[in-house]
N, C-alpha and C. Protein backbone atom coordinates (compact mmCIF):
# COMPACT_ATOMS: atom_id res chain seq x y z
N MET A 1 70.98 81.11 116.86
CA MET A 1 72.07 81.95 117.31
C MET A 1 71.75 83.42 117.03
N PRO A 2 70.95 84.05 117.85
CA PRO A 2 70.63 85.46 117.62
C PRO A 2 71.82 86.37 117.89
N THR A 3 71.80 87.56 117.28
CA THR A 3 72.88 88.52 117.50
C THR A 3 72.77 89.17 118.87
N VAL A 4 71.60 89.09 119.51
CA VAL A 4 71.43 89.77 120.79
C VAL A 4 72.07 89.01 121.95
N THR A 5 72.28 87.71 121.79
CA THR A 5 72.90 86.92 122.87
C THR A 5 73.90 85.93 122.27
N PRO A 6 75.06 86.40 121.79
CA PRO A 6 76.04 85.49 121.22
C PRO A 6 76.53 84.47 122.25
N ALA A 7 76.51 83.20 121.87
CA ALA A 7 76.94 82.12 122.76
C ALA A 7 78.15 81.42 122.17
N ILE A 8 78.93 80.77 123.02
CA ILE A 8 80.14 80.09 122.58
C ILE A 8 79.82 79.13 121.43
N GLY A 9 80.62 79.21 120.37
CA GLY A 9 80.45 78.35 119.20
C GLY A 9 79.58 78.94 118.12
N ASP A 10 78.88 80.04 118.39
CA ASP A 10 78.05 80.67 117.35
C ASP A 10 78.92 81.24 116.24
N LEU A 11 78.38 81.24 115.03
CA LEU A 11 79.11 81.71 113.85
C LEU A 11 78.41 82.94 113.28
N TYR A 12 79.22 83.95 112.92
CA TYR A 12 78.66 85.20 112.40
C TYR A 12 79.42 85.65 111.16
N THR A 13 78.73 86.41 110.33
CA THR A 13 79.32 87.07 109.18
C THR A 13 79.19 88.58 109.38
N VAL A 14 80.28 89.31 109.11
CA VAL A 14 80.26 90.76 109.16
C VAL A 14 80.67 91.28 107.78
N ARG A 15 79.81 92.10 107.18
CA ARG A 15 80.05 92.62 105.84
C ARG A 15 80.16 94.14 105.89
N VAL A 16 81.23 94.67 105.33
CA VAL A 16 81.45 96.12 105.30
C VAL A 16 81.30 96.59 103.86
N THR A 17 80.39 97.53 103.62
CA THR A 17 80.17 98.04 102.27
C THR A 17 80.77 99.43 102.14
N LYS A 18 81.32 99.70 100.93
CA LYS A 18 82.05 100.92 100.66
C LYS A 18 81.74 101.43 99.26
N SER A 19 82.17 102.66 99.00
CA SER A 19 82.07 103.24 97.66
C SER A 19 83.12 104.34 97.56
N LEU A 20 83.29 104.86 96.36
CA LEU A 20 84.08 106.06 96.18
C LEU A 20 83.23 107.28 96.52
N LEU A 21 83.86 108.30 97.08
CA LEU A 21 83.15 109.54 97.36
C LEU A 21 82.53 110.12 96.09
N THR A 22 83.21 109.92 94.97
CA THR A 22 82.76 110.48 93.71
C THR A 22 81.67 109.66 93.03
N ASN A 23 81.43 108.44 93.53
CA ASN A 23 80.42 107.58 92.90
C ASN A 23 79.78 106.70 93.97
N PRO A 24 78.95 107.29 94.85
CA PRO A 24 78.39 106.54 95.97
C PRO A 24 77.42 105.44 95.59
N ASP A 25 76.97 105.41 94.34
CA ASP A 25 76.03 104.36 93.92
C ASP A 25 76.72 103.06 93.55
N ASN A 26 78.03 103.11 93.30
CA ASN A 26 78.78 101.90 92.95
C ASN A 26 79.39 101.34 94.23
N VAL A 27 78.67 100.42 94.84
CA VAL A 27 79.02 99.93 96.17
C VAL A 27 79.64 98.54 96.08
N TRP A 28 80.68 98.31 96.87
CA TRP A 28 81.27 96.97 96.96
C TRP A 28 81.41 96.59 98.43
N ALA A 29 81.76 95.33 98.69
CA ALA A 29 81.79 94.85 100.07
C ALA A 29 82.93 93.88 100.30
N ASN A 30 83.36 93.81 101.56
CA ASN A 30 84.23 92.74 102.03
C ASN A 30 83.54 92.04 103.19
N SER A 31 83.61 90.72 103.20
CA SER A 31 82.93 89.93 104.22
C SER A 31 83.93 89.13 105.04
N TYR A 32 83.60 88.95 106.31
CA TYR A 32 84.45 88.23 107.26
C TYR A 32 83.58 87.28 108.07
N GLU A 33 84.19 86.18 108.52
CA GLU A 33 83.45 85.18 109.30
C GLU A 33 84.10 85.06 110.68
N PHE A 34 83.27 84.89 111.70
CA PHE A 34 83.75 84.83 113.08
C PHE A 34 83.08 83.71 113.84
N ARG A 35 83.84 83.15 114.79
CA ARG A 35 83.30 82.17 115.74
C ARG A 35 83.35 82.78 117.13
N THR A 36 82.27 82.60 117.89
CA THR A 36 82.23 83.09 119.26
C THR A 36 83.00 82.14 120.16
N THR A 37 83.93 82.67 120.96
CA THR A 37 84.79 81.82 121.79
C THR A 37 84.33 81.76 123.24
N GLU A 38 83.33 82.55 123.59
CA GLU A 38 82.77 82.52 124.94
C GLU A 38 81.38 83.17 124.89
N ASP A 39 80.56 82.88 125.86
CA ASP A 39 79.27 83.57 125.94
C ASP A 39 79.54 85.06 126.12
N THR A 40 78.88 85.88 125.32
CA THR A 40 79.20 87.31 125.36
C THR A 40 77.94 88.13 125.09
N THR A 41 78.10 89.36 124.65
CA THR A 41 76.96 90.27 124.54
C THR A 41 76.86 90.88 123.15
N GLU A 42 75.69 91.43 122.86
CA GLU A 42 75.50 92.16 121.60
C GLU A 42 76.44 93.36 121.53
N GLY A 43 76.70 93.99 122.67
CA GLY A 43 77.62 95.12 122.69
C GLY A 43 79.01 94.75 122.22
N ASN A 44 79.48 93.56 122.58
CA ASN A 44 80.80 93.13 122.12
C ASN A 44 80.80 92.79 120.64
N LEU A 45 79.67 92.35 120.13
CA LEU A 45 79.54 92.10 118.70
C LEU A 45 79.60 93.42 117.93
N LEU A 46 78.97 94.45 118.47
CA LEU A 46 79.03 95.78 117.85
C LEU A 46 80.45 96.35 117.95
N LEU A 47 81.13 96.09 119.07
CA LEU A 47 82.51 96.55 119.21
C LEU A 47 83.40 95.88 118.18
N LEU A 48 83.19 94.60 117.93
CA LEU A 48 83.92 93.89 116.88
C LEU A 48 83.76 94.59 115.55
N SER A 49 82.53 94.92 115.18
CA SER A 49 82.30 95.56 113.89
C SER A 49 82.95 96.93 113.82
N ALA A 50 82.96 97.68 114.94
CA ALA A 50 83.59 99.00 114.97
C ALA A 50 85.10 98.89 114.76
N LYS A 51 85.72 97.90 115.40
CA LYS A 51 87.16 97.70 115.23
C LYS A 51 87.49 97.24 113.82
N LEU A 52 86.61 96.43 113.23
CA LEU A 52 86.82 95.98 111.86
C LEU A 52 86.78 97.16 110.89
N VAL A 53 85.81 98.05 111.04
CA VAL A 53 85.73 99.22 110.17
C VAL A 53 86.96 100.11 110.36
N GLU A 54 87.38 100.30 111.61
CA GLU A 54 88.58 101.11 111.87
C GLU A 54 89.80 100.48 111.22
N PHE A 55 89.90 99.15 111.30
CA PHE A 55 91.01 98.44 110.65
C PHE A 55 91.02 98.69 109.16
N GLU A 56 89.89 98.49 108.50
CA GLU A 56 89.83 98.70 107.05
C GLU A 56 90.13 100.14 106.66
N ALA A 57 89.52 101.09 107.39
CA ALA A 57 89.69 102.50 107.04
C ALA A 57 91.15 102.92 107.10
N ALA A 58 91.92 102.30 107.98
CA ALA A 58 93.32 102.70 108.19
C ALA A 58 94.20 102.49 106.97
N PHE A 59 93.84 101.56 106.06
CA PHE A 59 94.69 101.34 104.88
C PHE A 59 93.94 101.56 103.56
N HIS A 60 92.75 102.15 103.63
CA HIS A 60 92.06 102.58 102.41
C HIS A 60 92.36 104.05 102.16
N THR A 61 92.25 104.44 100.90
CA THR A 61 92.57 105.81 100.53
C THR A 61 91.40 106.75 100.86
N SER A 62 91.71 108.03 100.91
CA SER A 62 90.76 109.02 101.39
C SER A 62 89.60 109.28 100.43
N ASP A 63 89.60 108.66 99.26
CA ASP A 63 88.45 108.80 98.36
C ASP A 63 87.45 107.66 98.53
N VAL A 64 87.66 106.82 99.56
CA VAL A 64 86.74 105.72 99.85
C VAL A 64 85.90 106.08 101.06
N ILE A 65 84.59 105.94 100.94
CA ILE A 65 83.68 106.17 102.05
C ILE A 65 83.08 104.84 102.48
N PHE A 66 82.97 104.66 103.79
CA PHE A 66 82.39 103.44 104.35
C PHE A 66 80.91 103.71 104.60
N GLN A 67 80.06 102.91 103.98
CA GLN A 67 78.62 103.19 103.99
C GLN A 67 77.84 102.44 105.05
N ARG A 68 78.15 101.13 105.22
CA ARG A 68 77.30 100.35 106.10
C ARG A 68 78.04 99.11 106.57
N VAL A 69 77.70 98.63 107.77
CA VAL A 69 78.18 97.34 108.24
C VAL A 69 76.96 96.49 108.58
N LEU A 70 77.00 95.24 108.13
CA LEU A 70 75.91 94.30 108.37
C LEU A 70 76.47 93.11 109.14
N ILE A 71 75.94 92.89 110.32
CA ILE A 71 76.31 91.74 111.15
C ILE A 71 75.15 90.75 111.08
N SER A 72 75.45 89.51 110.72
CA SER A 72 74.37 88.53 110.63
C SER A 72 74.86 87.17 111.09
N THR A 73 73.92 86.33 111.51
CA THR A 73 74.27 84.96 111.84
C THR A 73 74.71 84.25 110.56
N TRP A 74 75.59 83.28 110.70
CA TRP A 74 76.11 82.58 109.52
C TRP A 74 75.03 81.74 108.87
N GLU A 75 74.06 81.31 109.63
CA GLU A 75 72.99 80.47 109.09
C GLU A 75 72.15 81.25 108.09
N PRO A 76 71.51 80.57 107.14
CA PRO A 76 70.66 81.25 106.16
C PRO A 76 69.54 82.03 106.83
N ASP A 77 69.00 83.01 106.10
CA ASP A 77 67.87 83.80 106.61
C ASP A 77 66.72 82.88 107.04
N SER A 78 66.13 83.24 108.15
CA SER A 78 65.06 82.39 108.69
C SER A 78 63.71 82.70 108.05
N VAL A 79 62.86 81.72 108.06
CA VAL A 79 61.46 81.89 107.64
C VAL A 79 60.60 81.32 108.76
N PRO A 80 59.73 82.11 109.40
CA PRO A 80 59.47 83.52 109.07
C PRO A 80 60.62 84.44 109.48
N TYR A 81 60.53 85.68 109.02
CA TYR A 81 61.54 86.69 109.27
C TYR A 81 61.79 86.87 110.76
N ASN A 82 63.08 86.91 111.14
CA ASN A 82 63.47 87.09 112.53
C ASN A 82 64.44 88.27 112.62
N PRO A 83 64.02 89.40 113.17
CA PRO A 83 64.89 90.58 113.21
C PRO A 83 66.08 90.44 114.14
N ASP A 84 66.10 89.39 114.99
CA ASP A 84 67.19 89.22 115.94
C ASP A 84 68.42 88.56 115.32
N VAL A 85 68.37 88.18 114.03
CA VAL A 85 69.50 87.47 113.45
C VAL A 85 70.44 88.38 112.66
N PHE A 86 70.17 89.69 112.63
CA PHE A 86 71.11 90.58 111.98
C PHE A 86 71.01 91.99 112.55
N ILE A 87 72.10 92.74 112.39
CA ILE A 87 72.18 94.14 112.79
C ILE A 87 72.76 94.91 111.62
N SER A 88 72.14 96.01 111.24
CA SER A 88 72.63 96.85 110.14
C SER A 88 72.87 98.25 110.69
N THR A 89 74.08 98.78 110.44
CA THR A 89 74.46 100.09 110.96
C THR A 89 75.02 100.96 109.85
N THR A 90 74.55 102.19 109.74
CA THR A 90 75.07 103.15 108.77
C THR A 90 76.40 103.72 109.27
N LEU A 91 77.34 103.92 108.35
CA LEU A 91 78.68 104.41 108.69
C LEU A 91 78.95 105.77 108.06
N THR A 92 79.94 106.47 108.63
CA THR A 92 80.38 107.75 108.06
C THR A 92 81.89 107.82 107.90
N ALA A 93 82.59 106.72 108.16
CA ALA A 93 84.06 106.72 108.09
C ALA A 93 84.54 106.87 106.65
N ILE A 94 85.75 107.43 106.50
CA ILE A 94 86.41 107.48 105.19
C ILE A 94 87.82 106.92 105.34
N GLY A 95 88.43 106.55 104.24
CA GLY A 95 89.78 106.02 104.27
C GLY A 95 90.78 107.03 104.83
N ALA A 96 91.79 106.52 105.52
CA ALA A 96 92.73 107.39 106.23
C ALA A 96 93.99 107.72 105.44
N ILE A 97 94.22 107.03 104.31
CA ILE A 97 95.45 107.23 103.54
C ILE A 97 95.22 108.31 102.49
N ASP A 98 95.98 109.40 102.56
CA ASP A 98 95.87 110.44 101.54
C ASP A 98 96.27 109.86 100.19
N LEU A 99 95.47 110.11 99.20
CA LEU A 99 95.75 109.62 97.85
C LEU A 99 96.83 110.49 97.24
N GLY A 100 98.06 109.98 97.25
CA GLY A 100 99.20 110.79 96.82
C GLY A 100 99.29 110.96 95.31
N GLY A 101 98.67 110.05 94.58
CA GLY A 101 98.73 110.11 93.12
C GLY A 101 97.39 109.77 92.53
N THR A 102 97.42 108.96 91.48
CA THR A 102 96.19 108.52 90.83
C THR A 102 95.82 107.14 91.34
N GLY A 103 94.61 106.99 91.84
CA GLY A 103 94.18 105.69 92.35
C GLY A 103 94.03 104.67 91.24
N LEU A 104 94.31 103.43 91.57
CA LEU A 104 94.11 102.36 90.59
C LEU A 104 92.62 102.18 90.32
N SER A 105 92.30 101.63 89.17
CA SER A 105 90.90 101.34 88.86
C SER A 105 90.37 100.32 89.87
N LEU A 106 89.06 100.31 90.06
CA LEU A 106 88.47 99.48 91.10
C LEU A 106 88.62 97.98 90.86
N ASP A 107 88.99 97.58 89.64
CA ASP A 107 89.20 96.15 89.42
C ASP A 107 90.61 95.71 89.79
N GLN A 108 91.46 96.65 90.24
CA GLN A 108 92.82 96.32 90.69
C GLN A 108 92.82 96.35 92.22
N CYS A 109 92.91 95.19 92.83
CA CYS A 109 92.72 95.06 94.28
C CYS A 109 94.01 94.68 94.99
N LEU A 110 94.15 95.18 96.21
CA LEU A 110 95.19 94.68 97.10
C LEU A 110 94.75 93.31 97.59
N SER A 111 95.57 92.30 97.33
CA SER A 111 95.27 90.93 97.75
C SER A 111 95.91 90.66 99.10
N VAL A 112 95.11 90.20 100.05
CA VAL A 112 95.58 89.88 101.39
C VAL A 112 95.17 88.44 101.69
N THR A 113 96.12 87.62 102.11
CA THR A 113 95.81 86.23 102.41
C THR A 113 95.37 86.08 103.86
N ARG A 114 94.40 85.20 104.05
CA ARG A 114 94.00 84.78 105.39
C ARG A 114 94.76 83.49 105.68
N GLN A 115 95.78 83.58 106.51
CA GLN A 115 96.63 82.43 106.80
C GLN A 115 95.96 81.53 107.83
N VAL A 116 95.92 80.24 107.52
CA VAL A 116 95.36 79.23 108.42
C VAL A 116 96.39 78.13 108.62
N ASN A 117 96.19 77.30 109.65
CA ASN A 117 97.19 76.30 109.99
C ASN A 117 97.14 75.06 109.12
N SER A 118 96.03 74.84 108.41
CA SER A 118 95.94 73.68 107.53
C SER A 118 95.03 74.02 106.36
N GLY A 119 95.25 73.34 105.25
CA GLY A 119 94.44 73.59 104.07
C GLY A 119 94.84 74.86 103.34
N ARG A 120 94.05 75.23 102.36
CA ARG A 120 94.37 76.39 101.54
C ARG A 120 94.13 77.69 102.30
N PHE A 121 94.97 78.65 102.00
CA PHE A 121 94.75 79.99 102.52
C PHE A 121 93.52 80.60 101.85
N GLY A 122 92.89 81.53 102.53
CA GLY A 122 91.82 82.31 101.93
C GLY A 122 92.37 83.64 101.46
N HIS A 123 91.56 84.40 100.74
CA HIS A 123 91.98 85.70 100.24
C HIS A 123 90.92 86.76 100.54
N LEU A 124 91.40 87.95 100.80
CA LEU A 124 90.56 89.14 100.86
C LEU A 124 91.06 90.08 99.78
N TYR A 125 90.15 90.63 99.00
CA TYR A 125 90.53 91.55 97.93
C TYR A 125 89.96 92.92 98.25
N TYR A 126 90.85 93.89 98.39
CA TYR A 126 90.45 95.23 98.80
C TYR A 126 90.59 96.21 97.65
N ARG A 127 89.48 96.80 97.25
CA ARG A 127 89.51 97.89 96.28
C ARG A 127 89.80 99.19 97.03
N GLY A 128 90.31 100.19 96.27
CA GLY A 128 90.48 101.52 96.86
C GLY A 128 91.60 101.61 97.89
N CYS A 129 92.65 100.82 97.72
CA CYS A 129 93.77 100.83 98.67
C CYS A 129 95.09 101.26 98.04
N LEU A 130 95.18 101.29 96.73
CA LEU A 130 96.47 101.49 96.07
C LEU A 130 96.40 102.63 95.08
N ASP A 131 97.53 103.34 94.92
CA ASP A 131 97.63 104.30 93.82
C ASP A 131 98.73 103.86 92.88
N GLU A 132 98.84 104.53 91.75
CA GLU A 132 99.75 104.09 90.69
C GLU A 132 101.22 104.09 91.11
N SER A 133 101.58 104.93 92.07
CA SER A 133 102.98 104.99 92.51
C SER A 133 103.39 103.76 93.31
N GLU A 134 102.42 102.94 93.76
CA GLU A 134 102.73 101.79 94.59
C GLU A 134 102.83 100.49 93.81
N VAL A 135 102.61 100.56 92.50
CA VAL A 135 102.63 99.35 91.69
C VAL A 135 103.45 99.57 90.42
N SER A 136 103.77 98.48 89.77
CA SER A 136 104.42 98.53 88.46
C SER A 136 104.00 97.31 87.67
N SER A 137 104.31 97.31 86.37
CA SER A 137 103.92 96.18 85.50
C SER A 137 105.11 95.79 84.64
N PRO A 138 106.14 95.17 85.22
CA PRO A 138 107.36 94.87 84.46
C PRO A 138 107.18 93.85 83.35
N ALA A 139 106.19 92.98 83.47
CA ALA A 139 105.96 91.96 82.44
C ALA A 139 104.49 91.92 82.04
N GLY A 140 103.84 93.08 82.13
CA GLY A 140 102.44 93.16 81.75
C GLY A 140 101.47 92.76 82.83
N LYS A 141 101.98 92.36 84.01
CA LYS A 141 101.13 91.99 85.14
C LYS A 141 101.43 92.94 86.29
N THR A 142 100.41 93.54 86.86
CA THR A 142 100.60 94.51 87.92
C THR A 142 101.08 93.83 89.20
N ILE A 143 102.15 94.39 89.79
CA ILE A 143 102.69 93.87 91.04
C ILE A 143 102.91 95.03 92.01
N LEU A 144 103.06 94.70 93.28
CA LEU A 144 103.38 95.70 94.28
C LEU A 144 104.85 96.08 94.18
N ASN A 145 105.15 97.37 94.26
CA ASN A 145 106.55 97.79 94.31
C ASN A 145 107.22 97.33 95.60
N SER A 146 106.46 97.31 96.69
CA SER A 146 107.00 96.88 97.98
C SER A 146 105.92 96.16 98.77
N ARG A 147 106.01 94.84 98.79
CA ARG A 147 105.04 94.08 99.57
C ARG A 147 105.22 94.36 101.06
N SER A 148 106.46 94.61 101.49
CA SER A 148 106.70 94.88 102.91
C SER A 148 106.04 96.19 103.35
N ASP A 149 105.99 97.19 102.47
CA ASP A 149 105.31 98.44 102.81
C ASP A 149 103.82 98.20 103.02
N GLN A 150 103.23 97.38 102.16
CA GLN A 150 101.81 97.08 102.31
C GLN A 150 101.55 96.25 103.56
N GLN A 151 102.49 95.34 103.88
CA GLN A 151 102.33 94.55 105.10
C GLN A 151 102.42 95.44 106.34
N THR A 152 103.29 96.44 106.29
CA THR A 152 103.38 97.39 107.40
C THR A 152 102.06 98.10 107.61
N LYS A 153 101.41 98.51 106.51
CA LYS A 153 100.10 99.15 106.61
C LYS A 153 99.09 98.22 107.29
N ILE A 154 99.07 96.96 106.85
CA ILE A 154 98.12 96.00 107.41
C ILE A 154 98.41 95.76 108.89
N SER A 155 99.67 95.53 109.22
CA SER A 155 100.04 95.23 110.61
C SER A 155 99.76 96.41 111.53
N THR A 156 100.07 97.62 111.06
CA THR A 156 99.80 98.81 111.86
C THR A 156 98.31 98.99 112.06
N ALA A 157 97.53 98.77 111.00
CA ALA A 157 96.07 98.90 111.10
C ALA A 157 95.50 97.88 112.10
N LEU A 158 96.02 96.66 112.08
CA LEU A 158 95.55 95.64 113.02
C LEU A 158 95.79 96.06 114.46
N THR A 159 96.98 96.60 114.72
CA THR A 159 97.35 96.98 116.08
C THR A 159 96.58 98.20 116.55
N GLU A 160 96.57 99.25 115.73
CA GLU A 160 95.98 100.51 116.18
C GLU A 160 94.46 100.43 116.28
N SER A 161 93.83 99.60 115.48
CA SER A 161 92.37 99.45 115.55
C SER A 161 91.93 98.51 116.67
N GLY A 162 92.83 97.65 117.10
CA GLY A 162 92.47 96.62 118.06
C GLY A 162 91.86 95.38 117.43
N PHE A 163 91.80 95.36 116.09
CA PHE A 163 91.21 94.20 115.42
C PHE A 163 92.07 92.96 115.58
N GLU A 164 93.36 93.14 115.91
CA GLU A 164 94.23 91.98 116.12
C GLU A 164 93.76 91.12 117.30
N ASP A 165 92.91 91.69 118.17
CA ASP A 165 92.40 90.93 119.31
C ASP A 165 91.57 89.73 118.87
N TYR A 166 91.12 89.71 117.62
CA TYR A 166 90.24 88.65 117.14
C TYR A 166 90.96 87.65 116.23
N ILE A 167 92.27 87.77 116.10
CA ILE A 167 93.02 86.92 115.18
C ILE A 167 93.88 85.93 115.95
N GLY A 168 93.85 84.68 115.52
CA GLY A 168 94.66 83.64 116.15
C GLY A 168 93.86 82.84 117.17
N GLU A 169 94.51 81.82 117.71
CA GLU A 169 93.85 80.91 118.65
C GLU A 169 93.40 81.61 119.93
N ASP A 170 94.05 82.72 120.28
CA ASP A 170 93.68 83.44 121.49
C ASP A 170 92.62 84.51 121.24
N GLY A 171 92.10 84.59 120.02
CA GLY A 171 91.08 85.59 119.70
C GLY A 171 89.89 85.49 120.64
N SER A 172 89.45 86.64 121.17
CA SER A 172 88.37 86.62 122.16
C SER A 172 87.70 87.99 122.22
N PRO A 173 86.36 88.01 122.43
CA PRO A 173 85.42 86.90 122.54
C PRO A 173 84.96 86.36 121.19
N PHE A 174 85.54 86.89 120.11
CA PHE A 174 85.27 86.37 118.77
C PHE A 174 86.60 86.07 118.09
N GLN A 175 86.56 85.15 117.15
CA GLN A 175 87.76 84.68 116.48
C GLN A 175 87.52 84.71 114.98
N LEU A 176 88.42 85.38 114.24
CA LEU A 176 88.31 85.41 112.78
C LEU A 176 88.57 84.01 112.25
N VAL A 177 87.65 83.51 111.41
CA VAL A 177 87.74 82.13 110.92
C VAL A 177 87.40 82.08 109.43
N MET A 178 87.58 80.90 108.85
CA MET A 178 87.10 80.57 107.53
C MET A 178 86.15 79.39 107.68
N ILE A 179 84.96 79.50 107.10
CA ILE A 179 83.92 78.48 107.24
C ILE A 179 83.63 77.90 105.86
N ASN A 180 83.57 76.57 105.77
CA ASN A 180 83.26 75.96 104.48
C ASN A 180 81.76 76.07 104.17
N ALA A 181 81.38 75.57 103.02
CA ALA A 181 80.03 75.84 102.50
C ALA A 181 78.92 75.35 103.42
N ASP A 182 79.10 74.18 104.07
CA ASP A 182 78.02 73.65 104.90
C ASP A 182 78.27 73.83 106.40
N GLY A 183 79.35 74.54 106.75
CA GLY A 183 79.61 74.83 108.15
C GLY A 183 80.25 73.71 108.94
N THR A 184 80.67 72.62 108.28
CA THR A 184 81.27 71.50 108.99
C THR A 184 82.74 71.71 109.29
N GLN A 185 83.36 72.67 108.60
CA GLN A 185 84.77 72.98 108.85
C GLN A 185 84.90 74.46 109.18
N VAL A 186 85.48 74.74 110.34
CA VAL A 186 85.73 76.11 110.77
C VAL A 186 87.20 76.22 111.14
N ARG A 187 87.95 76.98 110.36
CA ARG A 187 89.40 77.08 110.57
C ARG A 187 89.76 78.47 111.06
N THR A 188 90.60 78.52 112.07
CA THR A 188 91.01 79.79 112.66
C THR A 188 92.02 80.50 111.78
N VAL A 189 91.81 81.79 111.54
CA VAL A 189 92.77 82.61 110.79
C VAL A 189 93.84 83.09 111.76
N SER A 190 95.10 82.79 111.44
CA SER A 190 96.20 83.13 112.34
C SER A 190 96.92 84.42 111.96
N ALA A 191 96.73 84.89 110.71
CA ALA A 191 97.41 86.12 110.28
C ALA A 191 96.78 86.63 109.00
N LEU A 192 96.93 87.93 108.76
CA LEU A 192 96.55 88.55 107.50
C LEU A 192 97.82 89.09 106.86
N ASN A 193 98.11 88.63 105.64
CA ASN A 193 99.38 88.95 104.99
C ASN A 193 99.17 89.57 103.62
N ALA A 194 99.80 90.72 103.38
CA ALA A 194 99.77 91.34 102.06
C ALA A 194 100.39 90.39 101.05
N ALA A 195 99.70 90.15 99.94
CA ALA A 195 100.16 89.15 98.98
C ALA A 195 100.50 89.72 97.61
N GLY A 196 99.81 90.76 97.17
CA GLY A 196 100.08 91.29 95.83
C GLY A 196 98.90 92.08 95.31
N VAL A 197 98.80 92.13 93.98
CA VAL A 197 97.70 92.82 93.31
C VAL A 197 96.91 91.79 92.53
N ALA A 198 95.60 91.83 92.67
CA ALA A 198 94.73 90.90 91.96
C ALA A 198 93.71 91.69 91.16
N LYS A 199 93.47 91.24 89.94
CA LYS A 199 92.44 91.86 89.12
C LYS A 199 91.13 91.12 89.34
N VAL A 200 90.15 91.84 89.88
CA VAL A 200 88.83 91.26 90.17
C VAL A 200 87.79 92.14 89.50
N LYS A 201 87.02 91.55 88.60
CA LYS A 201 86.04 92.32 87.86
C LYS A 201 85.10 93.06 88.80
N THR A 202 84.70 94.26 88.39
CA THR A 202 83.82 95.06 89.24
C THR A 202 82.42 94.49 89.32
N ASP A 203 82.07 93.56 88.43
CA ASP A 203 80.76 92.93 88.50
C ASP A 203 80.85 91.49 89.00
N HIS A 204 81.96 91.16 89.68
CA HIS A 204 82.13 89.81 90.20
C HIS A 204 81.00 89.51 91.19
N ARG A 205 80.31 88.39 91.00
CA ARG A 205 79.10 88.12 91.77
C ARG A 205 79.40 87.83 93.24
N TRP A 206 80.64 87.43 93.58
CA TRP A 206 80.96 87.17 94.97
C TRP A 206 81.52 88.39 95.69
N PHE A 207 81.68 89.47 94.95
CA PHE A 207 82.41 90.60 95.53
C PHE A 207 81.62 91.91 95.43
N ASN A 208 81.15 92.21 94.25
CA ASN A 208 80.48 93.48 94.03
C ASN A 208 79.08 93.47 94.63
N ARG A 209 78.70 94.59 95.26
CA ARG A 209 77.39 94.67 95.90
C ARG A 209 76.56 95.82 95.29
N THR A 210 76.87 96.20 94.06
CA THR A 210 76.11 97.26 93.42
C THR A 210 74.66 96.81 93.21
N PRO A 211 73.68 97.61 93.62
CA PRO A 211 72.28 97.22 93.41
C PRO A 211 71.99 97.00 91.93
N PRO A 212 71.15 96.04 91.60
CA PRO A 212 70.82 95.79 90.20
C PRO A 212 70.14 96.99 89.56
N THR A 213 70.38 97.18 88.28
CA THR A 213 69.74 98.28 87.56
C THR A 213 68.26 97.97 87.36
N PRO A 214 67.35 98.92 87.71
CA PRO A 214 65.91 98.65 87.56
C PRO A 214 65.56 98.35 86.12
């Protein structure tokens, strides 16, 4: 399943890497999985990644810079090396939300659920989206002051970026999905919902993409 000729049923991963403007060496990433719903083109795959970056930028704060997007086939890297199975693009976008106060530490993430029609929901954890005025800790656990305000941000970002075109059963020509470890289960994501605040360590091996120290 090369990236140059996406065919119906092909599976792809798109990873967006980011950092703070003040610390560009501390890089983190969010990853998404997609299923191709019709035979299409590399250009439409690139358009998908552009809409995804626009979606994310719309609800990240202005101290977050978007560094790179990596589009790759869901299958493991091939041997020998095949350059047609991934596309890497440098980015210059920054978050669109003015940081009105003090940003939360990077281990305090906006938690967004990936809603599916059966089985457990998935989660996306976004660093660099919240400031201290948007949360409180009434019982020692950080919570959102208004989950509906955060949902409005997500919903508006989906609409204005056009990324909503890829969500739900009618998603086309790509569909946001959740794929299990061996690829035997592919579940369509029907909605993205603001859920709360999650503490995720900055060195979490499934989340942080900071290069190892030499």
